[in-house]
C-alpha atoms as a PDB file:
ATOM      1  CA  SER A   1      -2.079   1.877   2.603  1.00  0.00           C
ATOM      2  CA  THR A   2      -1.528  -1.645   3.817  1.00  0.00           C
ATOM      3  CA  LYS A   3       1.544  -3.862   3.705  1.00  0.00           C
ATOM      4  CA  GLY A   4       1.477  -6.594   1.098  1.00  0.00           C
ATOM      5  CA  PRO A   5       2.862 -10.127   1.324  1.00  0.00           C
ATOM      6  CA  GLY A   6       6.245  -8.954   0.008  1.00  0.00           C
ATOM      7  CA  GLY A   7       6.440  -5.879   2.244  1.00  0.00           C
ATOM      8  CA  GLU A   8       5.219  -3.527  -0.476  1.00  0.00           C
ATOM      9  CA  HIS A   9       2.816  -0.671   0.245  1.00  0.00           C
ATOM     10  CA  MET A  10      -0.583  -1.486  -1.290  1.00  0.00           C
ATOM     11  CA  PHE A  11      -3.345   0.966  -2.188  1.00  0.00           C
ATOM     12  CA  GLN A  12      -6.648  -0.659  -3.171  1.00  0.00           C
ATOM     13  CA  LEU A  13      -8.159   0.670  -6.420  1.00  0.00           C
ATOM     14  CA  SER A  14     -10.964  -1.886  -6.792  1.00  0.00           C
ATOM     15  CA  THR A  15     -11.801  -5.344  -5.466  1.00  0.00           C
ATOM     16  CA  MET A  16      -8.637  -7.092  -6.705  1.00  0.00           C
ATOM     17  CA  ARG A  17      -6.651  -4.247  -8.301  1.00  0.00           C
ATOM     18  CA  PHE A  18      -3.982  -2.373  -6.363  1.00  0.00           C
ATOM     19  CA  ALA A  19      -1.390   0.351  -6.807  1.00  0.00           C
ATOM     20  CA  THR A  20       1.835  -0.659  -5.096  1.00  0.00           C
ATOM     21  CA  VAL A  21       5.122   0.894  -4.070  1.00  0.00           C
ATOM     22  CA  SER A  22       7.906  -1.639  -3.717  1.00  0.00           C
ATOM     23  CA  GLU A  23      11.611  -2.199  -4.120  1.00  0.00           C
ATOM     24  CA  PHE A  24      12.999  -4.458  -6.853  1.00  0.00           C
ATOM     25  CA  ARG A  25      16.730  -5.009  -7.322  1.00  0.00           C
ATOM     26  CA  GLY A  26      17.481  -1.891  -5.298  1.00  0.00           C
ATOM     27  CA  ARG A  27      15.087   0.342  -7.251  1.00  0.00           C
ATOM     28  CA  VAL A  28      11.797   1.807  -6.049  1.00  0.00           C
ATOM     29  CA  MET A  29       8.943   0.796  -8.358  1.00  0.00           C
ATOM     30  CA  VAL A  30       5.331   1.986  -8.614  1.00  0.00           C
ATOM     31  CA  GLY A  31       2.948  -0.635  -9.930  1.00  0.00           C
ATOM     32  CA  ILE A  32      -0.672  -1.179 -10.839  1.00  0.00           C
ATOM     33  CA  ARG A  33      -1.580  -4.836 -10.821  1.00  0.00           C
ATOM     34  CA  GLU A  34      -4.424  -7.313 -10.513  1.00  0.00           C
ATOM     35  CA  TYR A  35      -4.138  -9.722  -7.601  1.00  0.00           C
ATOM     36  CA  TYR A  36      -5.790 -13.089  -6.984  1.00  0.00           C
ATOM     37  CA  ASP A  37      -6.779 -14.996  -3.872  1.00  0.00           C
ATOM     38  CA  ALA A  38      -4.498 -17.983  -3.280  1.00  0.00           C
ATOM     39  CA  GLY A  39      -6.081 -19.747  -0.331  1.00  0.00           C
ATOM     40  CA  GLY A  40      -6.774 -16.563   1.616  1.00  0.00           C
ATOM     41  CA  GLU A  41      -3.521 -14.829   0.633  1.00  0.00           C
ATOM     42  CA  LEU A  42      -3.298 -12.099  -2.015  1.00  0.00           C
ATOM     43  CA  LYS A  43      -0.838 -12.894  -4.795  1.00  0.00           C
ATOM     44  CA  PRO A  44       0.156 -10.637  -7.717  1.00  0.00           C
ATOM     45  CA  GLY A  45      -1.217 -11.710 -11.080  1.00  0.00           C
ATOM     46  CA  LYS A  46       0.332 -11.376 -14.533  1.00  0.00           C
ATOM     47  CA  LYS A  47      -1.796  -8.385 -15.552  1.00  0.00           C
ATOM     48  CA  GLY A  48      -0.108  -5.184 -14.515  1.00  0.00           C
ATOM     49  CA  ILE A  49       2.638  -2.676 -15.056  1.00  0.00           C
ATOM     50  CA  SER A  50       5.595  -1.492 -12.996  1.00  0.00           C
ATOM     51  CA  LEU A  51       7.043   1.982 -13.437  1.00  0.00           C
ATOM     52  CA  THR A  52      10.468   3.248 -12.440  1.00  0.00           C
ATOM     53  CA  LEU A  53      10.590   6.447 -10.398  1.00  0.00           C
ATOM     54  CA  GLU A  54      11.493   8.337 -13.581  1.00  0.00           C
ATOM     55  CA  GLN A  55       8.444   6.943 -15.407  1.00  0.00           C
ATOM     56  CA  TRP A  56       6.223   7.612 -12.378  1.00  0.00           C
ATOM     57  CA  THR A  57       7.430  11.219 -12.234  1.00  0.00           C
ATOM     58  CA  SER A  58       6.766  11.645 -15.959  1.00  0.00           C
ATOM     59  CA  LEU A  59       3.240  10.255 -15.560  1.00  0.00           C
ATOM     60  CA  LYS A  60       2.510  12.599 -12.647  1.00  0.00           C
ATOM     61  CA  GLU A  61       3.808  15.595 -14.614  1.00  0.00           C
ATOM     62  CA  GLN A  62       1.372  14.782 -17.429  1.00  0.00           C
ATOM     63  CA  MET A  63      -1.630  14.084 -15.179  1.00  0.00           C
ATOM     64  CA  ASP A  64      -3.443  17.370 -15.943  1.00  0.00           C
ATOM     65  CA  GLU A  65      -3.253  16.647 -19.682  1.00  0.00           C
ATOM     66  CA  ILE A  66      -4.355  13.054 -19.134  1.00  0.00           C
ATOM     67  CA  ASP A  67      -7.324  14.267 -17.048  1.00  0.00           C
ATOM     68  CA  GLU A  68      -8.306  16.664 -19.846  1.00  0.00           C
ATOM     69  CA  ALA A  69      -8.148  13.857 -22.429  1.00  0.00           C
ATOM     70  CA  VAL A  70     -10.337  11.668 -20.197  1.00  0.00           C
ATOM     71  CA  LYS A  71     -12.881  14.504 -19.851  1.00  0.00           C
ATOM     72  CA  GLU A  72     -12.964  14.954 -23.639  1.00  0.00           C
ATOM     73  CA  LEU A  73     -13.780  11.284 -24.157  1.00  0.00           C
ATOM     74  CA  SER A  74     -16.237  10.878 -21.261  1.00  0.00           C
END
């Protein structure tokens, strides 16, 4: 991971899409967001989602089922 402009941990998924782990109002959040180049600096765009730790845990617990659904449709 790398550190983002706001101190968040950033994990690159594609050219301008990142998974992030950050803190917002005292809560840890996991996000997936598109970023844009603002004069050489990465800035978060409007397209994305932020999950609470509870939502992130729920998503991880369902990952095997999600993978199976993806395989069915691929």
